């Protein structure tokens, strides 16, 4: 019977310790299941503008990003799935002022997107691109091209012997193509010149190659959309997206550990108390035969002078134990 009670108590303590771990893992999985990822690319020459990202129809609490200039790209930002508006305004402009350019798009759970500002100041527009996850690359590398050069209307792009895009027009993006991992040479050719650079493409990685105008011809930017075997892009924007969000606390584990320790101590104390009582009872029984009083003892029913009642004596023995 005592063994059965102990097993029940041990099972209860194990449930206290193990239960929250499973619950926390499920909660973490649920938290990431309903979100996508968005990053912003400034591919428009000219004065950098502020970017406002907010749920569609709710501009009161936007996420604001200040681009660093032509060719700058933010890190991916985790956002809840739903419809969003991205608007660009000159630095210092009121958040309620008319945007220079804006667009609305849908973010699906488990997907990532690049919203690129492309064109000159007079013809600026926003382009929403669906990005691939690393899982889609398999043992190869996935590569695509964005043509953001104002000086060259069409560009042909090759990675090693593979032609990724032929005469890609300004403002266009090619589809992803699989290429062998390694360190191939990427070549951009146009009527006004060409550019080349070596890139490192690892198995399972996803890249976007951007054609930009440099100080002396074309310039190439290699963006990593995803790397390794991860299914989701990682990291927040360097400008502080999410920096004011409350930090995750230590959770329930420390408190539950303390509670479980207390339960174990209480169980151990209960067993110790029972053993102490049994020991005291056995000692009393062995001190005198049943029904016989020791020599010089008081008559039955009379307590010795100055002696404590029997219940008090037992309590004192327990306290000493």
C-alpha atoms as a PDB file:
ATOM      1  CA  UNK A   1       0.000   0.000   0.000  1.00  0.00           C
ATOM      2  CA  UNK A   2       2.802   2.400   0.968  1.00  0.00           C
ATOM      3  CA  UNK A   3       4.631   1.565  -2.295  1.00  0.00           C
ATOM      4  CA  UNK A   4       1.487   2.384  -4.261  1.00  0.00           C
ATOM      5  CA  UNK A   5       1.171   5.774  -2.566  1.00  0.00           C
ATOM      6  CA  UNK A   6       4.807   6.541  -3.290  1.00  0.00           C
ATOM      7  CA  UNK A   7       4.356   5.686  -6.962  1.00  0.00           C
ATOM      8  CA  UNK A   8       1.321   7.970  -7.165  1.00  0.00           C
ATOM      9  CA  UNK A   9       3.271  10.848  -5.595  1.00  0.00           C
ATOM     10  CA  UNK A  10       6.307  10.317  -7.841  1.00  0.00           C
ATOM     11  CA  UNK A  11       4.025  10.253 -10.892  1.00  0.00           C
ATOM     12  CA  UNK A  12       2.415  13.526  -9.808  1.00  0.00           C
ATOM     13  CA  UNK A  13       5.794  15.219  -9.338  1.00  0.00           C
ATOM     14  CA  UNK A  14       7.000  13.941 -12.725  1.00  0.00           C
ATOM     15  CA  UNK A  15       3.877  15.384 -14.352  1.00  0.00           C
ATOM     16  CA  UNK A  16       4.572  18.749 -12.717  1.00  0.00           C
ATOM     17  CA  UNK A  17       8.128  18.764 -14.061  1.00  0.00           C
ATOM     18  CA  UNK A  18       7.474  17.367 -17.517  1.00  0.00           C
ATOM     19  CA  UNK A  19       4.053  18.755 -18.351  1.00  0.00           C
ATOM     20  CA  UNK A  20       5.016  22.420 -18.795  1.00  0.00           C
ATOM     21  CA  UNK A  21       7.912  21.479 -21.119  1.00  0.00           C
ATOM     22  CA  UNK A  22       5.495  19.937 -23.594  1.00  0.00           C
ATOM     23  CA  UNK A  23       3.094  22.868 -23.219  1.00  0.00           C
ATOM     24  CA  UNK A  24       5.903  25.401 -23.814  1.00  0.00           C
ATOM     25  CA  UNK A  25       7.040  23.597 -26.967  1.00  0.00           C
ATOM     26  CA  UNK A  26       3.475  23.546 -28.280  1.00  0.00           C
ATOM     27  CA  UNK A  27       3.039  27.245 -27.476  1.00  0.00           C
ATOM     28  CA  UNK A  28       6.291  28.119 -29.255  1.00  0.00           C
ATOM     29  CA  UNK A  29       5.215  26.127 -32.314  1.00  0.00           C
ATOM     30  CA  UNK A  30       1.824  27.837 -32.333  1.00  0.00           C
ATOM     31  CA  UNK A  31       3.452  31.280 -32.005  1.00  0.00           C
ATOM     32  CA  UNK A  32       5.538  30.763 -35.141  1.00  0.00           C
ATOM     33  CA  UNK A  33       2.834  29.019 -37.159  1.00  0.00           C
ATOM     34  CA  UNK A  34       0.835  32.169 -37.971  1.00  0.00           C
ATOM     35  CA  UNK A  35       3.592  34.519 -39.137  1.00  0.00           C
ATOM     36  CA  UNK A  36       5.501  35.412 -42.279  1.00  0.00           C
ATOM     37  CA  UNK A  37       8.611  37.518 -42.911  1.00  0.00           C
ATOM     38  CA  UNK A  38       9.082  40.796 -44.798  1.00  0.00           C
ATOM     39  CA  UNK A  39      12.198  42.767 -45.756  1.00  0.00           C
ATOM     40  CA  UNK A  40      12.553  46.072 -47.631  1.00  0.00           C
ATOM     41  CA  UNK A  41      15.047  46.894 -50.382  1.00  0.00           C
ATOM     42  CA  UNK A  42      15.907  50.434 -51.521  1.00  0.00           C
ATOM     43  CA  UNK A  43      16.800  50.033 -55.204  1.00  0.00           C
ATOM     44  CA  UNK A  44      15.950  53.647 -56.155  1.00  0.00           C
ATOM     45  CA  UNK A  45      18.797  56.159 -56.531  1.00  0.00           C
ATOM     46  CA  UNK A  46      18.212  59.423 -54.715  1.00  0.00           C
ATOM     47  CA  UNK A  47      17.492  60.592 -51.188  1.00  0.00           C
ATOM     48  CA  UNK A  48      16.698  57.719 -48.798  1.00  0.00           C
ATOM     49  CA  UNK A  49      13.120  57.724 -47.560  1.00  0.00           C
ATOM     50  CA  UNK A  50      11.368  56.415 -44.483  1.00  0.00           C
ATOM     51  CA  UNK A  51       9.421  53.190 -44.857  1.00  0.00           C
ATOM     52  CA  UNK A  52       6.143  52.631 -42.982  1.00  0.00           C
ATOM     53  CA  UNK A  53       4.790  49.095 -42.635  1.00  0.00           C
ATOM     54  CA  UNK A  54       1.430  48.551 -40.945  1.00  0.00           C
ATOM     55  CA  UNK A  55      -1.601  46.248 -41.106  1.00  0.00           C
ATOM     56  CA  UNK A  56      -3.963  47.265 -43.890  1.00  0.00           C
ATOM     57  CA  UNK A  57      -6.364  49.982 -42.729  1.00  0.00           C
ATOM     58  CA  UNK A  58      -4.581  50.479 -39.390  1.00  0.00           C
ATOM     59  CA  UNK A  59      -1.794  53.082 -39.816  1.00  0.00           C
ATOM     60  CA  UNK A  60      -1.859  54.234 -36.177  1.00  0.00           C
ATOM     61  CA  UNK A  61       1.055  52.021 -35.050  1.00  0.00           C
ATOM     62  CA  UNK A  62       3.385  51.503 -38.024  1.00  0.00           C
ATOM     63  CA  UNK A  63       6.809  49.925 -38.047  1.00  0.00           C
ATOM     64  CA  UNK A  64       9.201  52.594 -39.360  1.00  0.00           C
ATOM     65  CA  UNK A  65      12.506  51.940 -41.132  1.00  0.00           C
ATOM     66  CA  UNK A  66      15.003  54.490 -42.433  1.00  0.00           C
ATOM     67  CA  UNK A  67      16.838  53.175 -45.481  1.00  0.00           C
ATOM     68  CA  UNK A  68      20.575  53.787 -45.709  1.00  0.00           C
ATOM     69  CA  UNK A  69      20.457  54.616 -49.404  1.00  0.00           C
ATOM     70  CA  UNK A  70      20.514  53.017 -52.838  1.00  0.00           C
ATOM     71  CA  UNK A  71      21.193  49.288 -52.588  1.00  0.00           C
ATOM     72  CA  UNK A  72      20.422  48.944 -48.862  1.00  0.00           C
ATOM     73  CA  UNK A  73      18.290  46.024 -47.721  1.00  0.00           C
ATOM     74  CA  UNK A  74      16.781  45.406 -44.282  1.00  0.00           C
ATOM     75  CA  UNK A  75      16.830  42.050 -42.522  1.00  0.00           C
ATOM     76  CA  UNK A  76      13.659  40.003 -42.505  1.00  0.00           C
ATOM     77  CA  UNK A  77      11.010  41.134 -40.019  1.00  0.00           C
ATOM     78  CA  UNK A  78       8.577  38.586 -38.543  1.00  0.00           C
ATOM     79  CA  UNK A  79       4.965  39.756 -38.928  1.00  0.00           C
ATOM     80  CA  UNK A  80       1.606  38.137 -38.326  1.00  0.00           C
ATOM     81  CA  UNK A  81      -0.095  36.715 -41.389  1.00  0.00           C
ATOM     82  CA  UNK A  82      -2.550  39.155 -42.977  1.00  0.00           C
ATOM     83  CA  UNK A  83      -2.800  42.107 -45.345  1.00  0.00           C
ATOM     84  CA  UNK A  84      -0.277  44.942 -44.989  1.00  0.00           C
ATOM     85  CA  UNK A  85       0.429  48.352 -46.450  1.00  0.00           C
ATOM     86  CA  UNK A  86       3.954  49.608 -47.114  1.00  0.00           C
ATOM     87  CA  UNK A  87       4.338  53.360 -47.704  1.00  0.00           C
ATOM     88  CA  UNK A  88       7.408  55.543 -48.269  1.00  0.00           C
ATOM     89  CA  UNK A  89       7.727  59.187 -47.226  1.00  0.00           C
ATOM     90  CA  UNK A  90      10.526  61.779 -47.266  1.00  0.00           C
ATOM     91  CA  UNK A  91      12.605  61.996 -44.057  1.00  0.00           C
ATOM     92  CA  UNK A  92      10.850  64.099 -41.409  1.00  0.00           C
ATOM     93  CA  UNK A  93       7.477  64.011 -43.144  1.00  0.00           C
ATOM     94  CA  UNK A  94       4.389  63.491 -41.015  1.00  0.00           C
ATOM     95  CA  UNK A  95       3.125  59.929 -40.759  1.00  0.00           C
ATOM     96  CA  UNK A  96      -0.272  61.214 -41.920  1.00  0.00           C
ATOM     97  CA  UNK A  97       1.122  62.981 -45.019  1.00  0.00           C
ATOM     98  CA  UNK A  98       0.540  61.498 -48.486  1.00  0.00           C
ATOM     99  CA  UNK A  99       3.221  58.875 -49.247  1.00  0.00           C
ATOM    100  CA  UNK A 100       5.596  59.135 -52.157  1.00  0.00           C
ATOM    101  CA  UNK A 101       4.616  55.616 -53.139  1.00  0.00           C
ATOM    102  CA  UNK A 102       2.679  52.824 -51.441  1.00  0.00           C
ATOM    103  CA  UNK A 103       1.372  49.324 -52.016  1.00  0.00           C
ATOM    104  CA  UNK A 104      -0.713  46.708 -50.225  1.00  0.00           C
ATOM    105  CA  UNK A 105       0.070  42.996 -50.183  1.00  0.00           C
ATOM    106  CA  UNK A 106      -0.878  39.812 -48.395  1.00  0.00           C
ATOM    107  CA  UNK A 107       1.507  37.983 -46.040  1.00  0.00           C
ATOM    108  CA  UNK A 108       0.839  34.254 -45.820  1.00  0.00           C
ATOM    109  CA  UNK A 109       1.933  32.202 -42.832  1.00  0.00           C
ATOM    110  CA  UNK A 110       5.268  30.484 -43.393  1.00  0.00           C
ATOM    111  CA  UNK A 111       6.220  32.658 -46.401  1.00  0.00           C
ATOM    112  CA  UNK A 112       8.766  35.456 -46.838  1.00  0.00           C
ATOM    113  CA  UNK A 113       8.731  38.523 -49.077  1.00  0.00           C
ATOM    114  CA  UNK A 114      10.951  41.302 -50.412  1.00  0.00           C
ATOM    115  CA  UNK A 115       9.308  44.695 -51.040  1.00  0.00           C
ATOM    116  CA  UNK A 116      11.647  46.625 -53.340  1.00  0.00           C
ATOM    117  CA  UNK A 117      11.548  50.302 -54.225  1.00  0.00           C
ATOM    118  CA  UNK A 118      12.662  50.540 -57.870  1.00  0.00           C
ATOM    119  CA  UNK A 119      13.072  53.451 -60.297  1.00  0.00           C
ATOM    120  CA  UNK A 120      14.023  57.096 -60.345  1.00  0.00           C
ATOM    121  CA  UNK A 121      12.337  59.749 -58.211  1.00  0.00           C
ATOM    122  CA  UNK A 122       9.889  60.519 -61.037  1.00  0.00           C
ATOM    123  CA  UNK A 123       9.056  56.884 -61.787  1.00  0.00           C
ATOM    124  CA  UNK A 124       9.481  55.179 -58.431  1.00  0.00           C
ATOM    125  CA  UNK A 125       7.360  52.112 -57.733  1.00  0.00           C
ATOM    126  CA  UNK A 126       7.184  49.256 -55.243  1.00  0.00           C
ATOM    127  CA  UNK A 127       7.582  45.654 -56.298  1.00  0.00           C
ATOM    128  CA  UNK A 128       6.541  42.780 -54.012  1.00  0.00           C
ATOM    129  CA  UNK A 129       8.541  39.589 -54.563  1.00  0.00           C
ATOM    130  CA  UNK A 130       7.805  36.133 -53.178  1.00  0.00           C
ATOM    131  CA  UNK A 131      11.021  34.720 -51.726  1.00  0.00           C
ATOM    132  CA  UNK A 132      11.892  31.053 -51.477  1.00  0.00           C
ATOM    133  CA  UNK A 133      12.653  29.108 -48.307  1.00  0.00           C
ATOM    134  CA  UNK A 134      15.826  27.103 -47.902  1.00  0.00           C
ATOM    135  CA  UNK A 135      13.941  23.799 -47.938  1.00  0.00           C
ATOM    136  CA  UNK A 136      13.110  24.353 -51.618  1.00  0.00           C
ATOM    137  CA  UNK A 137      16.800  24.323 -52.601  1.00  0.00           C
ATOM    138  CA  UNK A 138      17.494  20.755 -51.530  1.00  0.00           C
ATOM    139  CA  UNK A 139      21.104  19.820 -52.276  1.00  0.00           C
ATOM    140  CA  UNK A 140      21.471  22.656 -54.822  1.00  0.00           C
ATOM    141  CA  UNK A 141      21.455  26.461 -54.478  1.00  0.00           C
ATOM    142  CA  UNK A 142      18.610  28.670 -55.720  1.00  0.00           C
ATOM    143  CA  UNK A 143      19.503  31.961 -57.436  1.00  0.00           C
ATOM    144  CA  UNK A 144      17.437  34.743 -59.026  1.00  0.00           C
ATOM    145  CA  UNK A 145      18.202  38.228 -60.409  1.00  0.00           C
ATOM    146  CA  UNK A 146      16.673  41.686 -59.869  1.00  0.00           C
ATOM    147  CA  UNK A 147      17.533  44.252 -62.557  1.00  0.00           C
ATOM    148  CA  UNK A 148      17.746  47.645 -60.774  1.00  0.00           C
ATOM    149  CA  UNK A 149      20.212  49.472 -63.049  1.00  0.00           C
ATOM    150  CA  UNK A 150      18.863  52.736 -64.465  1.00  0.00           C
ATOM    151  CA  UNK A 151      21.818  53.132 -66.810  1.00  0.00           C
ATOM    152  CA  UNK A 152      21.391  49.762 -68.519  1.00  0.00           C
ATOM    153  CA  UNK A 153      17.854  48.968 -69.750  1.00  0.00           C
ATOM    154  CA  UNK A 154      18.629  45.260 -70.322  1.00  0.00           C
ATOM    155  CA  UNK A 155      21.118  42.902 -68.696  1.00  0.00           C
ATOM    156  CA  UNK A 156      22.116  39.278 -69.267  1.00  0.00           C
ATOM    157  CA  UNK A 157      23.230  37.399 -66.160  1.00  0.00           C
ATOM    158  CA  UNK A 158      25.187  34.132 -65.952  1.00  0.00           C
ATOM    159  CA  UNK A 159      26.370  32.037 -63.014  1.00  0.00           C
ATOM    160  CA  UNK A 160      29.297  29.986 -64.267  1.00  0.00           C
ATOM    161  CA  UNK A 161      28.071  28.296 -67.466  1.00  0.00           C
ATOM    162  CA  UNK A 162      24.382  28.796 -66.583  1.00  0.00           C
ATOM    163  CA  UNK A 163      22.469  31.772 -68.006  1.00  0.00           C
ATOM    164  CA  UNK A 164      20.008  32.901 -65.316  1.00  0.00           C
ATOM    165  CA  UNK A 165      18.421  35.798 -67.215  1.00  0.00           C
ATOM    166  CA  UNK A 166      18.788  36.928 -70.817  1.00  0.00           C
ATOM    167  CA  UNK A 167      18.220  40.635 -71.583  1.00  0.00           C
ATOM    168  CA  UNK A 168      16.377  41.158 -68.319  1.00  0.00           C
ATOM    169  CA  UNK A 169      14.521  44.483 -68.455  1.00  0.00           C
ATOM    170  CA  UNK A 170      14.850  47.211 -65.832  1.00  0.00           C
ATOM    171  CA  UNK A 171      12.614  46.661 -62.820  1.00  0.00           C
ATOM    172  CA  UNK A 172      12.163  42.959 -63.549  1.00  0.00           C
ATOM    173  CA  UNK A 173      13.058  39.922 -61.479  1.00  0.00           C
ATOM    174  CA  UNK A 174      13.857  36.494 -62.843  1.00  0.00           C
ATOM    175  CA  UNK A 175      12.526  33.268 -61.376  1.00  0.00           C
ATOM    176  CA  UNK A 176      14.721  31.153 -59.125  1.00  0.00           C
ATOM    177  CA  UNK A 177      16.951  28.596 -60.802  1.00  0.00           C
ATOM    178  CA  UNK A 178      18.883  25.685 -59.316  1.00  0.00           C
ATOM    179  CA  UNK A 179      22.662  25.774 -59.673  1.00  0.00           C
ATOM    180  CA  UNK A 180      25.445  23.607 -58.342  1.00  0.00           C
ATOM    181  CA  UNK A 181      26.947  24.704 -55.014  1.00  0.00           C
ATOM    182  CA  UNK A 182      30.438  26.140 -55.101  1.00  0.00           C
ATOM    183  CA  UNK A 183      32.154  29.475 -55.799  1.00  0.00           C
ATOM    184  CA  UNK A 184      31.216  30.307 -59.394  1.00  0.00           C
ATOM    185  CA  UNK A 185      31.764  33.591 -61.201  1.00  0.00           C
ATOM    186  CA  UNK A 186      28.655  35.703 -61.756  1.00  0.00           C
ATOM    187  CA  UNK A 187      28.783  37.751 -64.954  1.00  0.00           C
ATOM    188  CA  UNK A 188      26.503  40.664 -65.910  1.00  0.00           C
ATOM    189  CA  UNK A 189      26.588  41.821 -69.534  1.00  0.00           C
ATOM    190  CA  UNK A 190      24.913  44.882 -71.042  1.00  0.00           C
ATOM    191  CA  UNK A 191      25.415  47.209 -74.009  1.00  0.00           C
ATOM    192  CA  UNK A 192      27.323  49.687 -71.863  1.00  0.00           C
ATOM    193  CA  UNK A 193      29.680  47.212 -70.219  1.00  0.00           C
ATOM    194  CA  UNK A 194      29.854  44.218 -67.956  1.00  0.00           C
ATOM    195  CA  UNK A 195      30.714  43.200 -64.391  1.00  0.00           C
ATOM    196  CA  UNK A 196      31.855  39.988 -62.757  1.00  0.00           C
ATOM    197  CA  UNK A 197      32.351  38.706 -59.238  1.00  0.00           C
ATOM    198  CA  UNK A 198      32.816  35.410 -57.450  1.00  0.00           C
ATOM    199  CA  UNK A 199      30.038  34.300 -55.107  1.00  0.00           C
ATOM    200  CA  UNK A 200      29.846  31.464 -52.605  1.00  0.00           C
ATOM    201  CA  UNK A 201      26.790  29.275 -53.025  1.00  0.00           C
ATOM    202  CA  UNK A 202      26.319  26.589 -50.384  1.00  0.00           C
ATOM    203  CA  UNK A 203      23.982  23.622 -50.666  1.00  0.00           C
ATOM    204  CA  UNK A 204      20.500  24.537 -49.487  1.00  0.00           C
ATOM    205  CA  UNK A 205      21.045  28.312 -49.775  1.00  0.00           C
ATOM    206  CA  UNK A 206      18.816  30.827 -51.581  1.00  0.00           C
ATOM    207  CA  UNK A 207      20.228  34.024 -53.150  1.00  0.00           C
ATOM    208  CA  UNK A 208      19.039  37.162 -54.942  1.00  0.00           C
ATOM    209  CA  UNK A 209      21.606  38.867 -57.189  1.00  0.00           C
ATOM    210  CA  UNK A 210      20.870  42.564 -57.682  1.00  0.00           C
ATOM    211  CA  UNK A 211      22.196  44.596 -60.632  1.00  0.00           C
ATOM    212  CA  UNK A 212      22.953  48.160 -59.477  1.00  0.00           C
ATOM    213  CA  UNK A 213      24.604  51.238 -60.948  1.00  0.00           C
ATOM    214  CA  UNK A 214      28.100  51.750 -59.569  1.00  0.00           C
ATOM    215  CA  UNK A 215      30.442  54.732 -59.790  1.00  0.00           C
ATOM    216  CA  UNK A 216      32.091  53.168 -62.847  1.00  0.00           C
ATOM    217  CA  UNK A 217      29.677  50.765 -64.494  1.00  0.00           C
ATOM    218  CA  UNK A 218      27.528  48.002 -63.088  1.00  0.00           C
ATOM    219  CA  UNK A 219      27.689  46.794 -59.511  1.00  0.00           C
ATOM    220  CA  UNK A 220      26.553  43.450 -58.160  1.00  0.00           C
ATOM    221  CA  UNK A 221      24.952  42.804 -54.770  1.00  0.00           C
ATOM    222  CA  UNK A 222      24.508  39.257 -53.487  1.00  0.00           C
ATOM    223  CA  UNK A 223      21.616  38.931 -51.015  1.00  0.00           C
ATOM    224  CA  UNK A 224      21.089  35.769 -48.995  1.00  0.00           C
ATOM    225  CA  UNK A 225      17.374  34.985 -48.851  1.00  0.00           C
ATOM    226  CA  UNK A 226      17.867  31.818 -46.776  1.00  0.00           C
ATOM    227  CA  UNK A 227      20.786  29.605 -45.838  1.00  0.00           C
ATOM    228  CA  UNK A 228      21.438  26.072 -44.706  1.00  0.00           C
ATOM    229  CA  UNK A 229      18.535  23.796 -43.917  1.00  0.00           C
ATOM    230  CA  UNK A 230      16.392  26.332 -42.045  1.00  0.00           C
ATOM    231  CA  UNK A 231      12.856  26.783 -43.307  1.00  0.00           C
ATOM    232  CA  UNK A 232      12.468  30.316 -41.995  1.00  0.00           C
ATOM    233  CA  UNK A 233      14.584  33.450 -42.436  1.00  0.00           C
ATOM    234  CA  UNK A 234      16.172  34.620 -39.222  1.00  0.00           C
ATOM    235  CA  UNK A 235      17.094  37.915 -37.597  1.00  0.00           C
ATOM    236  CA  UNK A 236      15.463  41.290 -37.150  1.00  0.00           C
ATOM    237  CA  UNK A 237      16.212  44.492 -38.968  1.00  0.00           C
ATOM    238  CA  UNK A 238      19.333  46.291 -37.766  1.00  0.00           C
ATOM    239  CA  UNK A 239      17.257  49.458 -37.342  1.00  0.00           C
ATOM    240  CA  UNK A 240      15.521  48.046 -34.298  1.00  0.00           C
ATOM    241  CA  UNK A 241      12.380  46.304 -35.544  1.00  0.00           C
ATOM    242  CA  UNK A 242      10.845  44.635 -32.512  1.00  0.00           C
ATOM    243  CA  UNK A 243      13.307  46.296 -30.150  1.00  0.00           C
ATOM    244  CA  UNK A 244      10.526  47.626 -27.910  1.00  0.00           C
ATOM    245  CA  UNK A 245       8.721  44.310 -27.696  1.00  0.00           C
ATOM    246  CA  UNK A 246       8.630  42.802 -24.200  1.00  0.00           C
ATOM    247  CA  UNK A 247      11.323  40.249 -23.621  1.00  0.00           C
ATOM    248  CA  UNK A 248      10.381  36.687 -22.918  1.00  0.00           C
ATOM    249  CA  UNK A 249      10.545  35.887 -19.207  1.00  0.00           C
ATOM    250  CA  UNK A 250      12.052  32.779 -17.650  1.00  0.00           C
ATOM    251  CA  UNK A 251       8.699  31.010 -17.874  1.00  0.00           C
ATOM    252  CA  UNK A 252       7.152  28.621 -15.352  1.00  0.00           C
ATOM    253  CA  UNK A 253       9.993  26.106 -15.207  1.00  0.00           C
ATOM    254  CA  UNK A 254      11.867  27.638 -12.191  1.00  0.00           C
ATOM    255  CA  UNK A 255       8.657  27.977 -10.169  1.00  0.00           C
ATOM    256  CA  UNK A 256       7.508  24.491 -11.030  1.00  0.00           C
ATOM    257  CA  UNK A 257      10.921  23.124 -10.104  1.00  0.00           C
ATOM    258  CA  UNK A 258      10.637  24.812  -6.691  1.00  0.00           C
ATOM    259  CA  UNK A 259       7.102  23.486  -6.252  1.00  0.00           C
ATOM    260  CA  UNK A 260       8.184  19.964  -7.174  1.00  0.00           C
ATOM    261  CA  UNK A 261      11.104  20.147  -4.727  1.00  0.00           C
ATOM    262  CA  UNK A 262       8.688  21.238  -2.011  1.00  0.00           C
ATOM    263  CA  UNK A 263       6.376  18.322  -2.791  1.00  0.00           C
ATOM    264  CA  UNK A 264       9.302  15.895  -2.579  1.00  0.00           C
ATOM    265  CA  UNK A 265      10.387  17.356   0.769  1.00  0.00           C
ATOM    266  CA  UNK A 266       6.848  17.099   2.114  1.00  0.00           C
ATOM    267  CA  UNK A 267       6.634  13.463   0.986  1.00  0.00           C
ATOM    268  CA  UNK A 268      10.008  12.659   2.587  1.00  0.00           C
ATOM    269  CA  UNK A 269       8.966  14.442   5.812  1.00  0.00           C
ATOM    270  CA  UNK A 270       5.711  12.478   5.952  1.00  0.00           C
ATOM    271  CA  UNK A 271       7.521   9.162   5.619  1.00  0.00           C
ATOM    272  CA  UNK A 272      10.065  10.284   8.259  1.00  0.00           C
ATOM    273  CA  UNK A 273       7.253  11.238  10.650  1.00  0.00           C
ATOM    274  CA  UNK A 274       5.620   7.835  10.280  1.00  0.00           C
ATOM    275  CA  UNK A 275       8.927   6.037  10.890  1.00  0.00           C
ATOM    276  CA  UNK A 276       9.571   8.213  13.981  1.00  0.00           C
ATOM    277  CA  UNK A 277       6.165   7.373  15.437  1.00  0.00           C
ATOM    278  CA  UNK A 278       6.628   3.687  14.796  1.00  0.00           C
ATOM    279  CA  UNK A 279      10.085   3.813  16.428  1.00  0.00           C
ATOM    280  CA  UNK A 280       8.735   5.613  19.507  1.00  0.00           C
ATOM    281  CA  UNK A 281       5.871   3.138  19.842  1.00  0.00           C
ATOM    282  CA  UNK A 282       8.240   0.177  19.543  1.00  0.00           C
ATOM    283  CA  UNK A 283      10.570   1.640  22.163  1.00  0.00           C
ATOM    284  CA  UNK A 284       7.690   2.156  24.589  1.00  0.00           C
ATOM    285  CA  UNK A 285       6.431  -1.383  24.038  1.00  0.00           C
ATOM    286  CA  UNK A 286       9.898  -2.880  24.657  1.00  0.00           C
ATOM    287  CA  UNK A 287      10.482  -0.898  27.873  1.00  0.00           C
ATOM    288  CA  UNK A 288       7.839  -2.830  29.892  1.00  0.00           C
ATOM    289  CA  UNK A 289       5.800  -5.977  29.365  1.00  0.00           C
ATOM    290  CA  UNK A 290       2.175  -5.531  28.494  1.00  0.00           C
ATOM    291  CA  UNK A 291       0.039  -5.008  31.596  1.00  0.00           C
ATOM    292  CA  UNK A 292       3.031  -4.746  34.024  1.00  0.00           C
ATOM    293  CA  UNK A 293       4.195  -1.512  35.587  1.00  0.00           C
ATOM    294  CA  UNK A 294       7.900  -0.882  36.305  1.00  0.00           C
ATOM    295  CA  UNK A 295       9.055  -1.007  39.915  1.00  0.00           C
ATOM    296  CA  UNK A 296       8.259   2.170  41.775  1.00  0.00           C
ATOM    297  CA  UNK A 297       5.797   3.296  39.134  1.00  0.00           C
ATOM    298  CA  UNK A 298       2.639   5.100  40.028  1.00  0.00           C
ATOM    299  CA  UNK A 299      -0.622   3.187  40.157  1.00  0.00           C
ATOM    300  CA  UNK A 300      -2.478   2.700  36.928  1.00  0.00           C
ATOM    301  CA  UNK A 301      -4.336   5.799  35.822  1.00  0.00           C
ATOM    302  CA  UNK A 302      -2.150   8.195  37.828  1.00  0.00           C
ATOM    303  CA  UNK A 303       0.474  10.331  36.148  1.00  0.00           C
ATOM    304  CA  UNK A 304       3.902  10.695  37.804  1.00  0.00           C
ATOM    305  CA  UNK A 305       4.504  14.004  39.518  1.00  0.00           C
ATOM    306  CA  UNK A 306       5.808  16.573  37.032  1.00  0.00           C
ATOM    307  CA  UNK A 307       5.418  14.230  34.046  1.00  0.00           C
ATOM    308  CA  UNK A 308       3.930  15.473  30.843  1.00  0.00           C
ATOM    309  CA  UNK A 309       0.794  13.863  29.434  1.00  0.00           C
ATOM    310  CA  UNK A 310       1.396  10.983  27.042  1.00  0.00           C
ATOM    311  CA  UNK A 311       0.442  13.009  23.973  1.00  0.00           C
ATOM    312  CA  UNK A 312       2.989  15.695  24.869  1.00  0.00           C
ATOM    313  CA  UNK A 313       5.727  13.107  25.297  1.00  0.00           C
ATOM    314  CA  UNK A 314       5.066  11.696  21.829  1.00  0.00           C
ATOM    315  CA  UNK A 315       5.067  15.198  20.377  1.00  0.00           C
ATOM    316  CA  UNK A 316       8.444  15.932  21.971  1.00  0.00           C
ATOM    317  CA  UNK A 317       9.917  12.743  20.573  1.00  0.00           C
ATOM    318  CA  UNK A 318       8.720  13.668  17.095  1.00  0.00           C
ATOM    319  CA  UNK A 319      10.166  17.150  17.444  1.00  0.00           C
ATOM    320  CA  UNK A 320      13.580  15.741  18.398  1.00  0.00           C
ATOM    321  CA  UNK A 321      13.524  13.437  15.415  1.00  0.00           C
END
